[in-house]
Amino acid sequence: MRTLITGASGLIGSALLESLHAKGHAIRCLQRNKKNSASTIWNTDVFAQQENEDNFDTIIHLAGENVADGRWNESRKKRIMESRIKGTRELIELLGKLSNPPATFICASAIGYYGNRGSELLTEESEAGKGFLAEVCKKWEVEAQKAQEIGCRVVNLRFGMVLSPGGGALHKMLPPFKAGLGGPIGNGKQYMSWVSIRDLVEIVDFAINDDSLNGPVNVVSPVPVTNREFTRCLAGVLGRPALLPVPPFALRLMFGEMADEMLLAGSRVKPEKLISSGYSFQDVNLSETLRFCTS
């Protein structure tokens, strides 16, 4: 199978490269155009190959400005939005020019789609929430769905918090927790819907091969936990106390709007489509998953 990946240098992309290569995929990586004067987002040289070498079975589109890399301001929010909308639009236009457009277009999204929903149980059928991240996810998914016009089956993968030994949000938490300074964020009641990197790469492979999957798919463990439960579990795995709650005002002072949407917000998400499609999760025990990620 010939597969094209955007955003291959990130945490998820790197893991997918290794996993899909081991499964026999011939992988090409589409990178951003780094020429300052370029009018195109993508380096289109990847399409300028020998005859029939520009044909792909599957596209995995992960690229977009990192939403957690620094405090939000209007300029940064614009880059976050445009990197996804314009990048996806241009990518689909490029794919439409191929002699044989791909059969499957898998595009990243996030459970940020649901916004801050408390303890409400959310499935793929739930409505979008409110806030900047919800708006980004909603517009990104709408743009990705346009790949249907060139004959693609489109899957929008709504990723939860990814737990991986290779980095990500978990590894930003480790220094204070290892020092015994970790604790719940705010009241700790907000839900954290997580997924292990091992399940994530298998879910992507599952989505590639199961033609019945389309539209939004929640990529989360079937066992979401509250922030307080996650905190206690991580502290227990590390053999440290977790007694110091992080006050909301301090987070808002440090991160502004991002604190309310990414740290103090929560969503209790169920992977309804994966369960009904027969996917079998490897990692449903949070303690065991955290041990794997921190050992």
Protein backbone atom coordinates (compact mmCIF):
# COMPACT_ATOMS: atom_id res chain seq x y z
CA MET A 1 0.00 0.00 0.00
CA ARG A 2 1.28 3.46 -0.93
CA THR A 3 0.70 6.03 1.79
CA LEU A 4 1.33 9.77 1.92
CA ILE A 5 1.71 11.43 5.34
CA THR A 6 1.76 15.10 6.29
CA GLY A 7 3.03 16.15 9.72
CA ALA A 8 5.26 13.08 9.85
CA SER A 9 7.84 14.67 12.16
CA GLY A 10 5.44 15.08 15.10
CA LEU A 11 4.74 12.65 17.95
CA ILE A 12 1.91 10.87 16.14
CA GLY A 13 3.50 11.05 12.69
CA SER A 14 6.79 9.56 13.88
CA ALA A 15 5.00 6.64 15.54
CA LEU A 16 2.89 6.04 12.43
CA LEU A 17 5.93 6.04 10.16
CA GLU A 18 7.48 3.22 12.17
CA SER A 19 4.25 1.25 12.56
CA LEU A 20 3.01 1.48 8.97
CA HIS A 21 6.45 0.81 7.51
CA ALA A 22 6.57 -2.40 9.56
CA LYS A 23 3.18 -3.34 8.08
CA GLY A 24 4.54 -3.02 4.55
CA HIS A 25 3.42 0.48 3.55
CA ALA A 26 5.49 2.38 1.01
CA ILE A 27 5.49 5.81 2.65
CA ARG A 28 6.13 9.27 1.26
CA CYS A 29 6.17 12.37 3.46
CA LEU A 30 4.74 15.66 2.23
CA GLN A 31 6.53 18.61 3.81
CA ARG A 32 5.76 22.30 3.97
CA ASN A 33 7.22 24.61 1.35
CA LYS A 34 9.98 26.53 3.11
CA LYS A 35 10.56 29.06 0.33
CA ASN A 36 9.56 32.49 1.60
CA SER A 37 8.19 33.60 -1.75
CA ALA A 38 6.16 30.46 -2.32
CA SER A 39 2.44 30.84 -2.86
CA THR A 40 1.82 27.20 -1.97
CA ILE A 41 1.87 25.66 1.51
CA TRP A 42 3.25 22.31 0.39
CA ASN A 43 6.47 21.22 -1.25
CA THR A 44 4.92 19.73 -4.37
CA ASP A 45 8.15 18.03 -5.48
CA VAL A 46 6.80 14.88 -3.84
CA PHE A 47 4.26 14.69 -6.68
CA ALA A 48 6.82 15.24 -9.46
CA GLN A 49 7.96 11.63 -9.74
CA GLN A 50 8.12 9.01 -12.43
CA GLU A 51 4.93 7.90 -14.14
CA ASN A 52 2.47 6.28 -11.71
CA GLU A 53 4.74 7.13 -8.78
CA ASP A 54 2.40 9.92 -7.71
CA ASN A 55 -0.49 7.57 -7.00
CA PHE A 56 -1.36 6.87 -3.38
CA ASP A 57 -3.86 4.52 -1.77
CA THR A 58 -4.14 6.45 1.49
CA ILE A 59 -3.48 9.99 2.69
CA ILE A 60 -2.88 10.62 6.40
CA HIS A 61 -3.09 14.36 7.05
CA LEU A 62 -1.74 15.38 10.46
CA ALA A 63 -0.09 18.74 9.79
CA GLY A 64 -1.14 21.89 11.58
CA GLU A 65 0.28 24.60 13.83
CA ASN A 66 0.88 23.26 17.36
CA VAL A 67 -1.99 24.55 19.53
CA ALA A 68 -0.07 24.10 22.79
CA ASP A 69 3.20 25.71 21.76
CA GLY A 70 2.92 29.06 23.51
CA ARG A 71 0.33 31.53 24.74
CA TRP A 72 -2.48 32.33 22.33
CA ASN A 73 -2.90 35.77 20.80
CA GLU A 74 -4.93 36.81 17.77
CA SER A 75 -2.00 36.31 15.39
CA ARG A 76 -1.24 32.86 16.73
CA LYS A 77 -4.89 31.79 16.68
CA LYS A 78 -5.06 32.86 13.05
CA ARG A 79 -2.01 30.69 12.21
CA ILE A 80 -3.53 27.72 14.06
CA MET A 81 -6.77 28.02 12.09
CA GLU A 82 -5.28 28.80 8.68
CA SER A 83 -2.62 26.07 8.84
CA ARG A 84 -5.45 23.54 9.01
CA ILE A 85 -8.04 25.07 6.72
CA LYS A 86 -5.75 26.34 3.94
CA GLY A 87 -3.39 23.39 4.28
CA THR A 88 -6.21 20.87 3.91
CA ARG A 89 -7.86 22.76 1.06
CA GLU A 90 -4.62 22.94 -0.92
CA LEU A 91 -3.79 19.30 -0.23
CA ILE A 92 -7.15 18.13 -1.58
CA GLU A 93 -6.67 20.30 -4.66
CA LEU A 94 -3.29 18.63 -5.28
CA LEU A 95 -4.78 15.16 -4.80
CA GLY A 96 -7.54 15.96 -7.26
CA LYS A 97 -4.94 16.52 -9.97
CA LEU A 98 -3.44 13.05 -9.61
CA SER A 99 -4.15 10.51 -12.32
CA ASN A 100 -5.64 8.21 -9.67
CA PRO A 101 -6.82 10.04 -6.52
CA PRO A 102 -6.46 8.06 -3.27
CA ALA A 103 -9.25 5.87 -1.99
CA THR A 104 -8.93 7.01 1.63
CA PHE A 105 -8.30 10.41 3.19
CA ILE A 106 -7.64 10.27 6.94
CA CYS A 107 -7.46 13.67 8.60
CA ALA A 108 -6.54 14.53 12.16
CA SER A 109 -8.97 16.32 14.43
CA ALA A 110 -9.34 16.35 18.22
CA ILE A 111 -11.84 15.87 21.01
CA GLY A 112 -11.51 19.62 21.45
CA TYR A 113 -14.43 19.51 19.00
CA TYR A 114 -16.74 18.91 21.97
CA GLY A 115 -15.54 21.82 24.09
CA ASN A 116 -15.91 21.83 27.87
CA ARG A 117 -18.84 19.47 28.57
CA GLY A 118 -18.42 18.38 32.21
CA SER A 119 -19.53 14.81 32.85
CA GLU A 120 -21.77 14.52 29.77
CA LEU A 121 -20.99 11.30 27.88
CA LEU A 122 -20.04 12.23 24.34
CA THR A 123 -20.07 10.13 21.16
CA GLU A 124 -19.42 10.94 17.54
CA GLU A 125 -23.08 11.95 17.26
CA SER A 126 -22.73 14.70 19.91
CA GLU A 127 -22.85 18.30 18.79
CA ALA A 128 -19.80 20.55 18.63
CA GLY A 129 -19.01 22.59 21.71
CA LYS A 130 -18.13 26.23 22.09
CA GLY A 131 -14.76 27.96 22.09
CA PHE A 132 -11.79 28.45 19.81
CA LEU A 133 -10.61 24.83 19.73
CA ALA A 134 -14.11 23.55 19.01
CA GLU A 135 -14.37 26.01 16.13
CA VAL A 136 -10.97 24.94 14.75
CA CYS A 137 -11.91 21.24 14.84
CA LYS A 138 -15.33 21.86 13.35
CA LYS A 139 -14.00 23.88 10.41
CA TRP A 140 -11.10 21.47 9.85
CA GLU A 141 -13.47 18.50 9.61
CA VAL A 142 -15.74 20.34 7.19
CA GLU A 143 -12.75 21.13 4.98
CA ALA A 144 -11.49 17.54 5.08
CA GLN A 145 -14.90 16.20 4.09
CA LYS A 146 -14.51 17.96 0.74
CA ALA A 147 -12.14 15.14 -0.26
CA GLN A 148 -15.31 13.15 -0.93
CA GLU A 149 -15.69 15.28 -4.06
CA ILE A 150 -12.63 13.59 -5.57
CA GLY A 151 -13.85 10.12 -4.58
CA CYS A 152 -12.17 9.62 -1.20
CA ARG A 153 -13.60 7.92 1.83
CA VAL A 154 -12.95 10.51 4.56
CA VAL A 155 -12.22 9.71 8.22
CA ASN A 156 -11.82 12.48 10.80
CA LEU A 157 -9.83 11.10 13.73
CA ARG A 158 -10.71 12.99 16.92
CA PHE A 159 -7.62 12.35 19.04
CA GLY A 160 -7.74 12.50 22.81
CA MET A 161 -4.67 13.12 24.98
CA VAL A 162 -1.96 10.83 23.60
CA LEU A 163 0.10 8.93 26.18
CA SER A 164 3.48 7.97 24.75
CA PRO A 165 7.00 7.23 25.97
CA GLY A 166 8.20 9.50 23.15
CA GLY A 167 6.95 12.84 24.47
CA GLY A 168 3.75 14.84 24.40
CA ALA A 169 1.66 16.29 27.22
CA LEU A 170 2.53 13.53 29.69
CA HIS A 171 6.24 14.29 29.54
CA LYS A 172 5.60 17.96 30.27
CA MET A 173 3.89 16.83 33.48
CA LEU A 174 6.68 14.56 34.66
CA PRO A 175 9.22 17.05 36.15
CA PRO A 176 6.87 18.51 38.81
CA PHE A 177 5.38 15.09 39.58
CA LYS A 178 8.81 13.50 39.97
CA ALA A 179 9.74 16.33 42.32
CA GLY A 180 6.64 15.64 44.43
CA LEU A 181 5.02 18.90 43.35
CA GLY A 182 2.26 17.48 41.18
CA GLY A 183 -1.43 17.78 41.89
CA PRO A 184 -4.87 18.14 40.35
CA ILE A 185 -5.62 21.08 38.07
CA GLY A 186 -8.31 23.31 39.55
CA ASN A 187 -10.97 21.17 41.22
CA GLY A 188 -9.77 18.09 39.32
CA LYS A 189 -13.29 17.15 38.22
CA GLN A 190 -12.71 17.76 34.51
CA TYR A 191 -12.57 14.58 32.44
CA MET A 192 -9.42 13.54 30.57
CA SER A 193 -10.08 11.27 27.60
CA TRP A 194 -6.79 9.60 26.72
CA VAL A 195 -5.37 7.06 24.30
CA SER A 196 -2.07 5.18 24.28
CA ILE A 197 0.24 5.64 21.32
CA ARG A 198 0.13 1.86 20.84
CA ASP A 199 -3.63 1.93 20.36
CA LEU A 200 -3.48 5.08 18.27
CA VAL A 201 -1.27 3.61 15.56
CA GLU A 202 -3.37 0.45 15.46
CA ILE A 203 -6.55 2.53 15.20
CA VAL A 204 -5.14 4.39 12.19
CA ASP A 205 -4.33 1.06 10.54
CA PHE A 206 -7.83 -0.16 11.43
CA ALA A 207 -9.34 2.96 9.82
CA ILE A 208 -7.30 2.42 6.67
CA ASN A 209 -8.51 -1.14 6.26
CA ASP A 210 -12.12 -0.91 7.45
CA ASP A 211 -14.08 0.63 4.60
CA SER A 212 -17.17 0.96 6.81
CA LEU A 213 -15.52 3.66 8.92
CA ASN A 214 -16.11 7.20 7.75
CA GLY A 215 -16.68 10.65 9.18
CA PRO A 216 -15.72 11.43 12.79
CA VAL A 217 -14.10 8.69 14.87
CA ASN A 218 -13.22 9.23 18.54
CA VAL A 219 -9.66 8.00 19.14
CA VAL A 220 -9.76 7.58 22.91
CA SER A 221 -9.64 4.77 25.44
CA PRO A 222 -13.07 3.50 26.51
CA VAL A 223 -12.09 4.40 30.10
CA PRO A 224 -11.90 8.20 30.53
CA VAL A 225 -10.85 9.50 33.95
CA THR A 226 -11.12 12.76 35.83
CA ASN A 227 -8.06 14.95 36.21
CA ARG A 228 -7.96 14.07 39.93
CA GLU A 229 -7.99 10.35 39.12
CA PHE A 230 -5.27 10.80 36.50
CA THR A 231 -3.17 12.79 38.96
CA ARG A 232 -3.42 10.14 41.67
CA CYS A 233 -2.61 7.40 39.18
CA LEU A 234 0.47 9.15 37.79
CA ALA A 235 1.73 10.01 41.26
CA GLY A 236 1.26 6.39 42.32
CA VAL A 237 3.19 5.08 39.33
CA LEU A 238 6.05 7.47 40.12
CA GLY A 239 5.90 6.78 43.87
CA ARG A 240 5.36 10.43 44.71
CA PRO A 241 2.65 12.40 46.54
CA ALA A 242 0.16 14.51 44.60
CA LEU A 243 -1.06 16.98 47.19
CA LEU A 244 -0.62 20.40 45.62
CA PRO A 245 -3.56 21.51 43.48
CA VAL A 246 -2.82 24.01 40.71
CA PRO A 247 -5.10 27.04 41.18
CA PRO A 248 -7.02 28.20 38.09
CA PHE A 249 -5.93 31.83 38.49
CA ALA A 250 -2.27 30.81 38.19
CA LEU A 251 -2.94 28.91 34.98
CA ARG A 252 -4.92 31.79 33.52
CA LEU A 253 -2.09 34.15 34.42
CA MET A 254 0.44 31.93 32.64
CA PHE A 255 -1.58 30.72 29.63
CA GLY A 256 -4.54 33.06 29.25
CA GLU A 257 -7.41 31.73 27.13
CA MET A 258 -5.55 28.47 26.50
CA ALA A 259 -5.82 27.58 30.20
CA ASP A 260 -9.63 27.57 30.12
CA GLU A 261 -9.84 25.57 26.89
CA MET A 262 -7.03 23.04 27.34
CA LEU A 263 -6.26 22.66 31.06
CA LEU A 264 -9.40 23.52 33.00
CA ALA A 265 -11.85 22.13 30.43
CA GLY A 266 -12.80 18.49 30.14
CA SER A 267 -14.76 16.10 27.95
CA ARG A 268 -15.90 12.56 28.73
CA VAL A 269 -15.64 10.90 25.34
CA LYS A 270 -16.65 7.39 24.28
CA PRO A 271 -15.12 5.67 21.19
CA GLU A 272 -18.55 4.50 20.05
CA LYS A 273 -17.65 3.88 16.39
CA LEU A 274 -14.50 1.90 17.18
CA ILE A 275 -16.34 -0.28 19.69
CA SER A 276 -19.23 -0.98 17.31
CA SER A 277 -16.77 -1.69 14.47
CA GLY A 278 -15.03 -4.37 16.52
CA TYR A 279 -11.75 -2.66 17.35
CA SER A 280 -10.12 -4.29 20.41
CA PHE A 281 -8.18 -1.87 22.62
CA GLN A 282 -4.75 -2.88 23.91
CA ASP A 283 -4.50 -0.30 26.68
CA VAL A 284 -7.49 0.32 28.94
CA ASN A 285 -5.68 0.24 32.29
CA LEU A 286 -4.32 3.72 32.97
CA SER A 287 -1.73 2.64 35.56
CA GLU A 288 -0.22 0.05 33.22
CA THR A 289 -0.19 2.54 30.36
CA LEU A 290 1.55 5.18 32.46
CA ARG A 291 4.14 2.62 33.59
CA PHE A 292 4.83 1.78 29.94
CA CYS A 293 5.20 5.49 29.09
CA THR A 294 7.45 6.41 32.03
CA SER A 295 9.66 3.33 32.41
